[in-house]
mmCIF file of all heavy atoms, coordinates in Angstrom:
data_MODEL
# 
_entry.id   MODEL 
# 
loop_
_atom_site.group_PDB 
_atom_site.id 
_atom_site.type_symbol 
_atom_site.label_atom_id 
_atom_site.label_alt_id 
_atom_site.label_comp_id 
_atom_site.label_asym_id 
_atom_site.label_entity_id 
_atom_site.label_seq_id 
_atom_site.pdbx_PDB_ins_code 
_atom_site.Cartn_x 
_atom_site.Cartn_y 
_atom_site.Cartn_z 
_atom_site.occupancy 
_atom_site.B_iso_or_equiv 
_atom_site.pdbx_formal_charge 
_atom_site.auth_seq_id 
_atom_site.auth_comp_id 
_atom_site.auth_asym_id 
_atom_site.auth_atom_id 
_atom_site.pdbx_PDB_model_num 
ATOM 1   N N   . ALA A 1 1  ? 22.268 -13.347 34.958 1.00 0.00 ? 1  ALA A N   1 
ATOM 2   C CA  . ALA A 1 1  ? 20.863 -12.958 35.131 1.00 0.00 ? 1  ALA A CA  1 
ATOM 3   C C   . ALA A 1 1  ? 20.093 -14.004 35.925 1.00 0.00 ? 1  ALA A C   1 
ATOM 4   O O   . ALA A 1 1  ? 19.053 -13.687 36.516 1.00 0.00 ? 1  ALA A O   1 
ATOM 5   C CB  . ALA A 1 1  ? 20.210 -12.730 33.771 1.00 0.00 ? 1  ALA A CB  1 
ATOM 6   N N   . GLU A 1 2  ? 20.568 -15.227 35.925 1.00 0.00 ? 2  GLU A N   1 
ATOM 7   C CA  . GLU A 1 2  ? 19.977 -16.284 36.740 1.00 0.00 ? 2  GLU A CA  1 
ATOM 8   C C   . GLU A 1 2  ? 20.298 -16.050 38.213 1.00 0.00 ? 2  GLU A C   1 
ATOM 9   O O   . GLU A 1 2  ? 19.436 -16.218 39.090 1.00 0.00 ? 2  GLU A O   1 
ATOM 10  C CB  . GLU A 1 2  ? 20.519 -17.640 36.290 1.00 0.00 ? 2  GLU A CB  1 
ATOM 11  C CG  . GLU A 1 2  ? 20.075 -18.830 37.117 1.00 0.00 ? 2  GLU A CG  1 
ATOM 12  C CD  . GLU A 1 2  ? 20.759 -20.110 36.682 1.00 0.00 ? 2  GLU A CD  1 
ATOM 13  O OE1 . GLU A 1 2  ? 21.748 -20.049 35.933 1.00 0.00 ? 2  GLU A OE1 1 
ATOM 14  O OE2 . GLU A 1 2  ? 20.300 -21.190 37.106 1.00 0.00 ? 2  GLU A OE2 1 
ATOM 15  N N   . VAL A 1 3  ? 21.530 -15.646 38.485 1.00 0.00 ? 3  VAL A N   1 
ATOM 16  C CA  . VAL A 1 3  ? 21.960 -15.397 39.862 1.00 0.00 ? 3  VAL A CA  1 
ATOM 17  C C   . VAL A 1 3  ? 21.267 -14.170 40.435 1.00 0.00 ? 3  VAL A C   1 
ATOM 18  O O   . VAL A 1 3  ? 20.866 -14.154 41.606 1.00 0.00 ? 3  VAL A O   1 
ATOM 19  C CB  . VAL A 1 3  ? 23.494 -15.235 39.906 1.00 0.00 ? 3  VAL A CB  1 
ATOM 20  C CG1 . VAL A 1 3  ? 23.963 -14.780 41.287 1.00 0.00 ? 3  VAL A CG1 1 
ATOM 21  C CG2 . VAL A 1 3  ? 24.169 -16.550 39.517 1.00 0.00 ? 3  VAL A CG2 1 
ATOM 22  N N   . GLU A 1 4  ? 21.114 -13.129 39.609 1.00 0.00 ? 4  GLU A N   1 
ATOM 23  C CA  . GLU A 1 4  ? 20.467 -11.892 40.065 1.00 0.00 ? 4  GLU A CA  1 
ATOM 24  C C   . GLU A 1 4  ? 19.413 -11.462 39.036 1.00 0.00 ? 4  GLU A C   1 
ATOM 25  O O   . GLU A 1 4  ? 19.710 -10.739 38.081 1.00 0.00 ? 4  GLU A O   1 
ATOM 26  C CB  . GLU A 1 4  ? 21.505 -10.782 40.275 1.00 0.00 ? 4  GLU A CB  1 
ATOM 27  C CG  . GLU A 1 4  ? 20.902 -9.455  40.721 1.00 0.00 ? 4  GLU A CG  1 
ATOM 28  C CD  . GLU A 1 4  ? 19.907 -9.609  41.865 1.00 0.00 ? 4  GLU A CD  1 
ATOM 29  O OE1 . GLU A 1 4  ? 20.346 -9.745  43.013 1.00 0.00 ? 4  GLU A OE1 1 
ATOM 30  O OE2 . GLU A 1 4  ? 18.676 -9.616  41.590 1.00 0.00 ? 4  GLU A OE2 1 
ATOM 31  N N   . PRO A 1 5  ? 18.162 -11.903 39.214 1.00 0.00 ? 5  PRO A N   1 
ATOM 32  C CA  . PRO A 1 5  ? 17.099 -11.560 38.258 1.00 0.00 ? 5  PRO A CA  1 
ATOM 33  C C   . PRO A 1 5  ? 16.893 -10.065 38.061 1.00 0.00 ? 5  PRO A C   1 
ATOM 34  O O   . PRO A 1 5  ? 16.405 -9.642  37.004 1.00 0.00 ? 5  PRO A O   1 
ATOM 35  C CB  . PRO A 1 5  ? 15.863 -12.228 38.864 1.00 0.00 ? 5  PRO A CB  1 
ATOM 36  C CG  . PRO A 1 5  ? 16.409 -13.371 39.674 1.00 0.00 ? 5  PRO A CG  1 
ATOM 37  C CD  . PRO A 1 5  ? 17.691 -12.865 40.236 1.00 0.00 ? 5  PRO A CD  1 
ATOM 38  N N   . ALA A 1 6  ? 17.261 -9.254  39.056 1.00 0.00 ? 6  ALA A N   1 
ATOM 39  C CA  . ALA A 1 6  ? 17.101 -7.809  38.909 1.00 0.00 ? 6  ALA A CA  1 
ATOM 40  C C   . ALA A 1 6  ? 17.970 -7.238  37.788 1.00 0.00 ? 6  ALA A C   1 
ATOM 41  O O   . ALA A 1 6  ? 17.723 -6.118  37.332 1.00 0.00 ? 6  ALA A O   1 
ATOM 42  C CB  . ALA A 1 6  ? 17.442 -7.113  40.232 1.00 0.00 ? 6  ALA A CB  1 
ATOM 43  N N   . LEU A 1 7  ? 18.963 -8.010  37.329 1.00 0.00 ? 7  LEU A N   1 
ATOM 44  C CA  . LEU A 1 7  ? 19.821 -7.553  36.239 1.00 0.00 ? 7  LEU A CA  1 
ATOM 45  C C   . LEU A 1 7  ? 19.270 -7.907  34.858 1.00 0.00 ? 7  LEU A C   1 
ATOM 46  O O   . LEU A 1 7  ? 19.843 -7.498  33.849 1.00 0.00 ? 7  LEU A O   1 
ATOM 47  C CB  . LEU A 1 7  ? 21.226 -8.152  36.386 1.00 0.00 ? 7  LEU A CB  1 
ATOM 48  C CG  . LEU A 1 7  ? 22.049 -7.680  37.590 1.00 0.00 ? 7  LEU A CG  1 
ATOM 49  C CD1 . LEU A 1 7  ? 23.370 -8.437  37.653 1.00 0.00 ? 7  LEU A CD1 1 
ATOM 50  C CD2 . LEU A 1 7  ? 22.299 -6.173  37.534 1.00 0.00 ? 7  LEU A CD2 1 
ATOM 51  N N   . MET A 1 8  ? 18.182 -8.667  34.791 1.00 0.00 ? 8  MET A N   1 
ATOM 52  C CA  . MET A 1 8  ? 17.678 -9.108  33.484 1.00 0.00 ? 8  MET A CA  1 
ATOM 53  C C   . MET A 1 8  ? 17.333 -7.950  32.565 1.00 0.00 ? 8  MET A C   1 
ATOM 54  O O   . MET A 1 8  ? 17.506 -8.046  31.350 1.00 0.00 ? 8  MET A O   1 
ATOM 55  C CB  . MET A 1 8  ? 16.449 -10.012 33.650 1.00 0.00 ? 8  MET A CB  1 
ATOM 56  C CG  . MET A 1 8  ? 16.794 -11.455 33.936 1.00 0.00 ? 8  MET A CG  1 
ATOM 57  S SD  . MET A 1 8  ? 15.356 -12.549 33.902 1.00 0.00 ? 8  MET A SD  1 
ATOM 58  C CE  . MET A 1 8  ? 14.899 -12.523 32.160 1.00 0.00 ? 8  MET A CE  1 
ATOM 59  N N   . ASP A 1 9  ? 16.862 -6.852  33.127 1.00 0.00 ? 9  ASP A N   1 
ATOM 60  C CA  . ASP A 1 9  ? 16.461 -5.707  32.313 1.00 0.00 ? 9  ASP A CA  1 
ATOM 61  C C   . ASP A 1 9  ? 17.652 -4.968  31.717 1.00 0.00 ? 9  ASP A C   1 
ATOM 62  O O   . ASP A 1 9  ? 17.460 -4.050  30.908 1.00 0.00 ? 9  ASP A O   1 
ATOM 63  C CB  . ASP A 1 9  ? 15.613 -4.738  33.136 1.00 0.00 ? 9  ASP A CB  1 
ATOM 64  C CG  . ASP A 1 9  ? 14.220 -5.276  33.385 1.00 0.00 ? 9  ASP A CG  1 
ATOM 65  O OD1 . ASP A 1 9  ? 13.811 -6.217  32.671 1.00 0.00 ? 9  ASP A OD1 1 
ATOM 66  O OD2 . ASP A 1 9  ? 13.545 -4.764  34.297 1.00 0.00 ? 9  ASP A OD2 1 
ATOM 67  N N   . ARG A 1 10 ? 18.861 -5.337  32.100 1.00 0.00 ? 10 ARG A N   1 
ATOM 68  C CA  . ARG A 1 10 ? 20.055 -4.748  31.493 1.00 0.00 ? 10 ARG A CA  1 
ATOM 69  C C   . ARG A 1 10 ? 21.138 -5.800  31.251 1.00 0.00 ? 10 ARG A C   1 
ATOM 70  O O   . ARG A 1 10 ? 22.322 -5.552  31.454 1.00 0.00 ? 10 ARG A O   1 
ATOM 71  C CB  . ARG A 1 10 ? 20.596 -3.575  32.321 1.00 0.00 ? 10 ARG A CB  1 
ATOM 72  C CG  . ARG A 1 10 ? 20.761 -3.821  33.807 1.00 0.00 ? 10 ARG A CG  1 
ATOM 73  C CD  . ARG A 1 10 ? 21.077 -2.507  34.504 1.00 0.00 ? 10 ARG A CD  1 
ATOM 74  N NE  . ARG A 1 10 ? 21.109 -2.612  35.938 1.00 0.00 ? 10 ARG A NE  1 
ATOM 75  C CZ  . ARG A 1 10 ? 22.234 -2.618  36.669 1.00 0.00 ? 10 ARG A CZ  1 
ATOM 76  N NH1 . ARG A 1 10 ? 23.412 -2.522  36.094 1.00 0.00 ? 10 ARG A NH1 1 
ATOM 77  N NH2 . ARG A 1 10 ? 22.171 -2.691  37.983 1.00 0.00 ? 10 ARG A NH2 1 
ATOM 78  N N   . THR A 1 11 ? 20.675 -6.957  30.800 1.00 0.00 ? 11 THR A N   1 
ATOM 79  C CA  . THR A 1 11 ? 21.591 -8.041  30.438 1.00 0.00 ? 11 THR A CA  1 
ATOM 80  C C   . THR A 1 11 ? 21.200 -8.619  29.085 1.00 0.00 ? 11 THR A C   1 
ATOM 81  O O   . THR A 1 11 ? 20.024 -8.861  28.827 1.00 0.00 ? 11 THR A O   1 
ATOM 82  C CB  . THR A 1 11 ? 21.555 -9.176  31.486 1.00 0.00 ? 11 THR A CB  1 
ATOM 83  O OG1 . THR A 1 11 ? 21.990 -8.666  32.751 1.00 0.00 ? 11 THR A OG1 1 
ATOM 84  C CG2 . THR A 1 11 ? 22.461 -10.336 31.083 1.00 0.00 ? 11 THR A CG2 1 
ATOM 85  N N   . LEU A 1 12 ? 22.194 -8.826  28.230 1.00 0.00 ? 12 LEU A N   1 
ATOM 86  C CA  . LEU A 1 12 ? 22.011 -9.588  27.003 1.00 0.00 ? 12 LEU A CA  1 
ATOM 87  C C   . LEU A 1 12 ? 22.729 -10.918 27.204 1.00 0.00 ? 12 LEU A C   1 
ATOM 88  O O   . LEU A 1 12 ? 23.948 -10.953 27.390 1.00 0.00 ? 12 LEU A O   1 
ATOM 89  C CB  . LEU A 1 12 ? 22.595 -8.858  25.793 1.00 0.00 ? 12 LEU A CB  1 
ATOM 90  C CG  . LEU A 1 12 ? 22.372 -9.563  24.453 1.00 0.00 ? 12 LEU A CG  1 
ATOM 91  C CD1 . LEU A 1 12 ? 20.895 -9.512  24.054 1.00 0.00 ? 12 LEU A CD1 1 
ATOM 92  C CD2 . LEU A 1 12 ? 23.243 -8.954  23.350 1.00 0.00 ? 12 LEU A CD2 1 
ATOM 93  N N   . THR A 1 13 ? 21.959 -12.001 27.203 1.00 0.00 ? 13 THR A N   1 
ATOM 94  C CA  . THR A 1 13 ? 22.515 -13.332 27.400 1.00 0.00 ? 13 THR A CA  1 
ATOM 95  C C   . THR A 1 13 ? 22.686 -13.986 26.035 1.00 0.00 ? 13 THR A C   1 
ATOM 96  O O   . THR A 1 13 ? 21.713 -14.284 25.355 1.00 0.00 ? 13 THR A O   1 
ATOM 97  C CB  . THR A 1 13 ? 21.597 -14.187 28.294 1.00 0.00 ? 13 THR A CB  1 
ATOM 98  O OG1 . THR A 1 13 ? 21.405 -13.511 29.539 1.00 0.00 ? 13 THR A OG1 1 
ATOM 99  C CG2 . THR A 1 13 ? 22.220 -15.550 28.559 1.00 0.00 ? 13 THR A CG2 1 
ATOM 100 N N   . MET A 1 14 ? 23.954 -14.205 25.639 1.00 0.00 ? 14 MET A N   1 
ATOM 101 C CA  . MET A 1 14 ? 24.270 -14.717 24.309 1.00 0.00 ? 14 MET A CA  1 
ATOM 102 C C   . MET A 1 14 ? 24.729 -16.169 24.390 1.00 0.00 ? 14 MET A C   1 
ATOM 103 O O   . MET A 1 14 ? 25.405 -16.560 25.337 1.00 0.00 ? 14 MET A O   1 
ATOM 104 C CB  . MET A 1 14 ? 25.355 -13.863 23.658 1.00 0.00 ? 14 MET A CB  1 
ATOM 105 C CG  . MET A 1 14 ? 25.582 -14.157 22.166 1.00 0.00 ? 14 MET A CG  1 
ATOM 106 S SD  . MET A 1 14 ? 26.658 -15.569 21.853 1.00 0.00 ? 14 MET A SD  1 
ATOM 107 C CE  . MET A 1 14 ? 28.255 -14.857 22.185 1.00 0.00 ? 14 MET A CE  1 
ATOM 108 N N   . ASN A 1 15 ? 24.374 -16.955 23.395 1.00 0.00 ? 15 ASN A N   1 
ATOM 109 C CA  . ASN A 1 15 ? 24.774 -18.350 23.324 1.00 0.00 ? 15 ASN A CA  1 
ATOM 110 C C   . ASN A 1 15 ? 24.762 -18.759 21.853 1.00 0.00 ? 15 ASN A C   1 
ATOM 111 O O   . ASN A 1 15 ? 24.634 -17.915 20.970 1.00 0.00 ? 15 ASN A O   1 
ATOM 112 C CB  . ASN A 1 15 ? 23.833 -19.224 24.169 1.00 0.00 ? 15 ASN A CB  1 
ATOM 113 C CG  . ASN A 1 15 ? 24.520 -20.426 24.765 1.00 0.00 ? 15 ASN A CG  1 
ATOM 114 O OD1 . ASN A 1 15 ? 25.213 -21.163 24.069 1.00 0.00 ? 15 ASN A OD1 1 
ATOM 115 N ND2 . ASN A 1 15 ? 24.328 -20.641 26.060 1.00 0.00 ? 15 ASN A ND2 1 
ATOM 116 N N   . GLY A 1 16 ? 24.868 -20.043 21.582 1.00 0.00 ? 16 GLY A N   1 
ATOM 117 C CA  . GLY A 1 16 ? 24.850 -20.509 20.205 1.00 0.00 ? 16 GLY A CA  1 
ATOM 118 C C   . GLY A 1 16 ? 25.002 -22.011 20.143 1.00 0.00 ? 16 GLY A C   1 
ATOM 119 O O   . GLY A 1 16 ? 25.134 -22.676 21.173 1.00 0.00 ? 16 GLY A O   1 
ATOM 120 N N   . VAL A 1 17 ? 24.990 -22.526 18.943 1.00 0.00 ? 17 VAL A N   1 
ATOM 121 C CA  . VAL A 1 17 ? 25.055 -23.981 18.753 1.00 0.00 ? 17 VAL A CA  1 
ATOM 122 C C   . VAL A 1 17 ? 26.448 -24.457 18.345 1.00 0.00 ? 17 VAL A C   1 
ATOM 123 O O   . VAL A 1 17 ? 26.665 -25.661 18.202 1.00 0.00 ? 17 VAL A O   1 
ATOM 124 C CB  . VAL A 1 17 ? 24.011 -24.440 17.714 1.00 0.00 ? 17 VAL A CB  1 
ATOM 125 C CG1 . VAL A 1 17 ? 22.605 -24.124 18.180 1.00 0.00 ? 17 VAL A CG1 1 
ATOM 126 C CG2 . VAL A 1 17 ? 24.272 -23.807 16.349 1.00 0.00 ? 17 VAL A CG2 1 
ATOM 127 N N   . SER A 1 18 ? 27.382 -23.548 18.180 1.00 0.00 ? 18 SER A N   1 
ATOM 128 C CA  . SER A 1 18 ? 28.677 -23.894 17.589 1.00 0.00 ? 18 SER A CA  1 
ATOM 129 C C   . SER A 1 18 ? 29.449 -24.933 18.378 1.00 0.00 ? 18 SER A C   1 
ATOM 130 O O   . SER A 1 18 ? 29.925 -25.930 17.812 1.00 0.00 ? 18 SER A O   1 
ATOM 131 C CB  . SER A 1 18 ? 29.537 -22.637 17.443 1.00 0.00 ? 18 SER A CB  1 
ATOM 132 O OG  . SER A 1 18 ? 28.953 -21.735 16.547 1.00 0.00 ? 18 SER A OG  1 
ATOM 133 N N   . LYS A 1 19 ? 29.622 -24.715 19.669 1.00 0.00 ? 19 LYS A N   1 
ATOM 134 C CA  . LYS A 1 19 ? 30.573 -25.515 20.442 1.00 0.00 ? 19 LYS A CA  1 
ATOM 135 C C   . LYS A 1 19 ? 29.953 -26.807 20.967 1.00 0.00 ? 19 LYS A C   1 
ATOM 136 O O   . LYS A 1 19 ? 30.476 -27.899 20.737 1.00 0.00 ? 19 LYS A O   1 
ATOM 137 C CB  . LYS A 1 19 ? 31.134 -24.682 21.595 1.00 0.00 ? 19 LYS A CB  1 
ATOM 138 C CG  . LYS A 1 19 ? 31.617 -23.294 21.207 1.00 0.00 ? 19 LYS A CG  1 
ATOM 139 C CD  . LYS A 1 19 ? 32.719 -23.306 20.149 1.00 0.00 ? 19 LYS A CD  1 
ATOM 140 C CE  . LYS A 1 19 ? 33.192 -21.881 19.853 1.00 0.00 ? 19 LYS A CE  1 
ATOM 141 N NZ  . LYS A 1 19 ? 34.272 -21.806 18.880 1.00 0.00 ? 19 LYS A NZ  1 
ATOM 142 N N   . ALA A 1 20 ? 28.847 -26.703 21.683 1.00 0.00 ? 20 ALA A N   1 
ATOM 143 C CA  . ALA A 1 20 ? 28.257 -27.894 22.299 1.00 0.00 ? 20 ALA A CA  1 
ATOM 144 C C   . ALA A 1 20 ? 27.728 -28.874 21.264 1.00 0.00 ? 20 ALA A C   1 
ATOM 145 O O   . ALA A 1 20 ? 27.754 -30.090 21.479 1.00 0.00 ? 20 ALA A O   1 
ATOM 146 C CB  . ALA A 1 20 ? 27.140 -27.496 23.256 1.00 0.00 ? 20 ALA A CB  1 
ATOM 147 N N   . TYR A 1 21 ? 27.247 -28.363 20.135 1.00 0.00 ? 21 TYR A N   1 
ATOM 148 C CA  . TYR A 1 21 ? 26.620 -29.210 19.125 1.00 0.00 ? 21 TYR A CA  1 
ATOM 149 C C   . TYR A 1 21 ? 27.514 -29.445 17.909 1.00 0.00 ? 21 TYR A C   1 
ATOM 150 O O   . TYR A 1 21 ? 27.057 -30.017 16.920 1.00 0.00 ? 21 TYR A O   1 
ATOM 151 C CB  . TYR A 1 21 ? 25.283 -28.599 18.691 1.00 0.00 ? 21 TYR A CB  1 
ATOM 152 C CG  . TYR A 1 21 ? 24.321 -28.454 19.845 1.00 0.00 ? 21 TYR A CG  1 
ATOM 153 C CD1 . TYR A 1 21 ? 24.161 -27.239 20.501 1.00 0.00 ? 21 TYR A CD1 1 
ATOM 154 C CD2 . TYR A 1 21 ? 23.601 -29.550 20.312 1.00 0.00 ? 21 TYR A CD2 1 
ATOM 155 C CE1 . TYR A 1 21 ? 23.299 -27.110 21.580 1.00 0.00 ? 21 TYR A CE1 1 
ATOM 156 C CE2 . TYR A 1 21 ? 22.738 -29.429 21.388 1.00 0.00 ? 21 TYR A CE2 1 
ATOM 157 C CZ  . TYR A 1 21 ? 22.589 -28.204 22.023 1.00 0.00 ? 21 TYR A CZ  1 
ATOM 158 O OH  . TYR A 1 21 ? 21.742 -28.096 23.093 1.00 0.00 ? 21 TYR A OH  1 
ATOM 159 N N   . ALA A 1 22 ? 28.793 -29.016 17.998 1.00 0.00 ? 22 ALA A N   1 
ATOM 160 C CA  . ALA A 1 22 ? 29.741 -29.203 16.897 1.00 0.00 ? 22 ALA A CA  1 
ATOM 161 C C   . ALA A 1 22 ? 29.175 -28.670 15.586 1.00 0.00 ? 22 ALA A C   1 
ATOM 162 O O   . ALA A 1 22 ? 29.156 -29.340 14.561 1.00 0.00 ? 22 ALA A O   1 
ATOM 163 C CB  . ALA A 1 22 ? 30.126 -30.675 16.762 1.00 0.00 ? 22 ALA A CB  1 
ATOM 164 N N   . MET A 1 23 ? 28.695 -27.419 15.629 1.00 0.00 ? 23 MET A N   1 
ATOM 165 C CA  . MET A 1 23 ? 28.041 -26.802 14.471 1.00 0.00 ? 23 MET A CA  1 
ATOM 166 C C   . MET A 1 23 ? 28.708 -25.480 14.094 1.00 0.00 ? 23 MET A C   1 
ATOM 167 O O   . MET A 1 23 ? 28.037 -24.525 13.689 1.00 0.00 ? 23 MET A O   1 
ATOM 168 C CB  . MET A 1 23 ? 26.548 -26.581 14.765 1.00 0.00 ? 23 MET A CB  1 
ATOM 169 C CG  . MET A 1 23 ? 25.751 -27.858 14.947 1.00 0.00 ? 23 MET A CG  1 
ATOM 170 S SD  . MET A 1 23 ? 24.024 -27.537 15.418 1.00 0.00 ? 23 MET A SD  1 
ATOM 171 C CE  . MET A 1 23 ? 23.400 -26.749 13.922 1.00 0.00 ? 23 MET A CE  1 
ATOM 172 N N   . THR A 1 24 ? 30.021 -25.414 14.207 1.00 0.00 ? 24 THR A N   1 
ATOM 173 C CA  . THR A 1 24 ? 30.705 -24.142 13.950 1.00 0.00 ? 24 THR A CA  1 
ATOM 174 C C   . THR A 1 24 ? 30.408 -23.596 12.548 1.00 0.00 ? 24 THR A C   1 
ATOM 175 O O   . THR A 1 24 ? 30.186 -22.404 12.379 1.00 0.00 ? 24 THR A O   1 
ATOM 176 C CB  . THR A 1 24 ? 32.221 -24.315 14.129 1.00 0.00 ? 24 THR A CB  1 
ATOM 177 O OG1 . THR A 1 24 ? 32.660 -25.467 13.398 1.00 0.00 ? 24 THR A OG1 1 
ATOM 178 C CG2 . THR A 1 24 ? 32.569 -24.502 15.594 1.00 0.00 ? 24 THR A CG2 1 
ATOM 179 N N   . GLY A 1 25 ? 30.396 -24.472 11.550 1.00 0.00 ? 25 GLY A N   1 
ATOM 180 C CA  . GLY A 1 25 ? 30.189 -24.005 10.182 1.00 0.00 ? 25 GLY A CA  1 
ATOM 181 C C   . GLY A 1 25 ? 28.754 -23.660 9.830  1.00 0.00 ? 25 GLY A C   1 
ATOM 182 O O   . GLY A 1 25 ? 28.495 -23.083 8.774  1.00 0.00 ? 25 GLY A O   1 
ATOM 183 N N   . TRP A 1 26 ? 27.824 -23.995 10.711 1.00 0.00 ? 26 TRP A N   1 
ATOM 184 C CA  . TRP A 1 26 ? 26.419 -23.680 10.443 1.00 0.00 ? 26 TRP A CA  1 
ATOM 185 C C   . TRP A 1 26 ? 26.126 -22.201 10.710 1.00 0.00 ? 26 TRP A C   1 
ATOM 186 O O   . TRP A 1 26 ? 25.131 -21.670 10.214 1.00 0.00 ? 26 TRP A O   1 
ATOM 187 C CB  . TRP A 1 26 ? 25.499 -24.546 11.308 1.00 0.00 ? 26 TRP A CB  1 
ATOM 188 C CG  . TRP A 1 26 ? 25.635 -26.011 11.044 1.00 0.00 ? 26 TRP A CG  1 
ATOM 189 C CD1 . TRP A 1 26 ? 26.635 -26.840 11.479 1.00 0.00 ? 26 TRP A CD1 1 
ATOM 190 C CD2 . TRP A 1 26 ? 24.727 -26.838 10.299 1.00 0.00 ? 26 TRP A CD2 1 
ATOM 191 N NE1 . TRP A 1 26 ? 26.408 -28.125 11.045 1.00 0.00 ? 26 TRP A NE1 1 
ATOM 192 C CE2 . TRP A 1 26 ? 25.242 -28.154 10.317 1.00 0.00 ? 26 TRP A CE2 1 
ATOM 193 C CE3 . TRP A 1 26 ? 23.531 -26.589 9.631  1.00 0.00 ? 26 TRP A CE3 1 
ATOM 194 C CZ2 . TRP A 1 26 ? 24.609 -29.224 9.692  1.00 0.00 ? 26 TRP A CZ2 1 
ATOM 195 C CZ3 . TRP A 1 26 ? 22.897 -27.655 9.003  1.00 0.00 ? 26 TRP A CZ3 1 
ATOM 196 C CH2 . TRP A 1 26 ? 23.434 -28.953 9.037  1.00 0.00 ? 26 TRP A CH2 1 
ATOM 197 N N   . ARG A 1 27 ? 26.966 -21.572 11.513 1.00 0.00 ? 27 ARG A N   1 
ATOM 198 C CA  . ARG A 1 27 ? 26.919 -20.130 11.780 1.00 0.00 ? 27 ARG A CA  1 
ATOM 199 C C   . ARG A 1 27 ? 25.583 -19.681 12.361 1.00 0.00 ? 27 ARG A C   1 
ATOM 200 O O   . ARG A 1 27 ? 24.874 -18.849 11.789 1.00 0.00 ? 27 ARG A O   1 
ATOM 201 C CB  . ARG A 1 27 ? 27.236 -19.313 10.511 1.00 0.00 ? 27 ARG A CB  1 
ATOM 202 C CG  . ARG A 1 27 ? 28.511 -19.690 9.783  1.00 0.00 ? 27 ARG A CG  1 
ATOM 203 C CD  . ARG A 1 27 ? 29.740 -19.762 10.687 1.00 0.00 ? 27 ARG A CD  1 
ATOM 204 N NE  . ARG A 1 27 ? 29.991 -18.517 11.389 1.00 0.00 ? 27 ARG A NE  1 
ATOM 205 C CZ  . ARG A 1 27 ? 30.263 -18.452 12.695 1.00 0.00 ? 27 ARG A CZ  1 
ATOM 206 N NH1 . ARG A 1 27 ? 30.291 -19.542 13.456 1.00 0.00 ? 27 ARG A NH1 1 
ATOM 207 N NH2 . ARG A 1 27 ? 30.488 -17.294 13.261 1.00 0.00 ? 27 ARG A NH2 1 
ATOM 208 N N   . ILE A 1 28 ? 25.255 -20.215 13.538 1.00 0.00 ? 28 ILE A N   1 
ATOM 209 C CA  . ILE A 1 28 ? 24.054 -19.775 14.244 1.00 0.00 ? 28 ILE A CA  1 
ATOM 210 C C   . ILE A 1 28 ? 24.416 -19.410 15.682 1.00 0.00 ? 28 ILE A C   1 
ATOM 211 O O   . ILE A 1 28 ? 24.907 -20.239 16.460 1.00 0.00 ? 28 ILE A O   1 
ATOM 212 C CB  . ILE A 1 28 ? 22.957 -20.865 14.257 1.00 0.00 ? 28 ILE A CB  1 
ATOM 213 C CG1 . ILE A 1 28 ? 22.466 -21.147 12.838 1.00 0.00 ? 28 ILE A CG1 1 
ATOM 214 C CG2 . ILE A 1 28 ? 21.789 -20.442 15.157 1.00 0.00 ? 28 ILE A CG2 1 
ATOM 215 C CD1 . ILE A 1 28 ? 21.697 -20.009 12.188 1.00 0.00 ? 28 ILE A CD1 1 
ATOM 216 N N   . GLY A 1 29 ? 24.194 -18.149 16.022 1.00 0.00 ? 29 GLY A N   1 
ATOM 217 C CA  . GLY A 1 29 ? 24.271 -17.681 17.396 1.00 0.00 ? 29 GLY A CA  1 
ATOM 218 C C   . GLY A 1 29 ? 22.930 -17.082 17.767 1.00 0.00 ? 29 GLY A C   1 
ATOM 219 O O   . GLY A 1 29 ? 22.108 -16.774 16.893 1.00 0.00 ? 29 GLY A O   1 
# 
């Protein structure tokens, strides 16, 4: 959606804290 803003209206951008912040057991996406 960053590369093509016209797709934002039909894109769900998912992320979370598990990997980068070593928080797998906290269970937050």
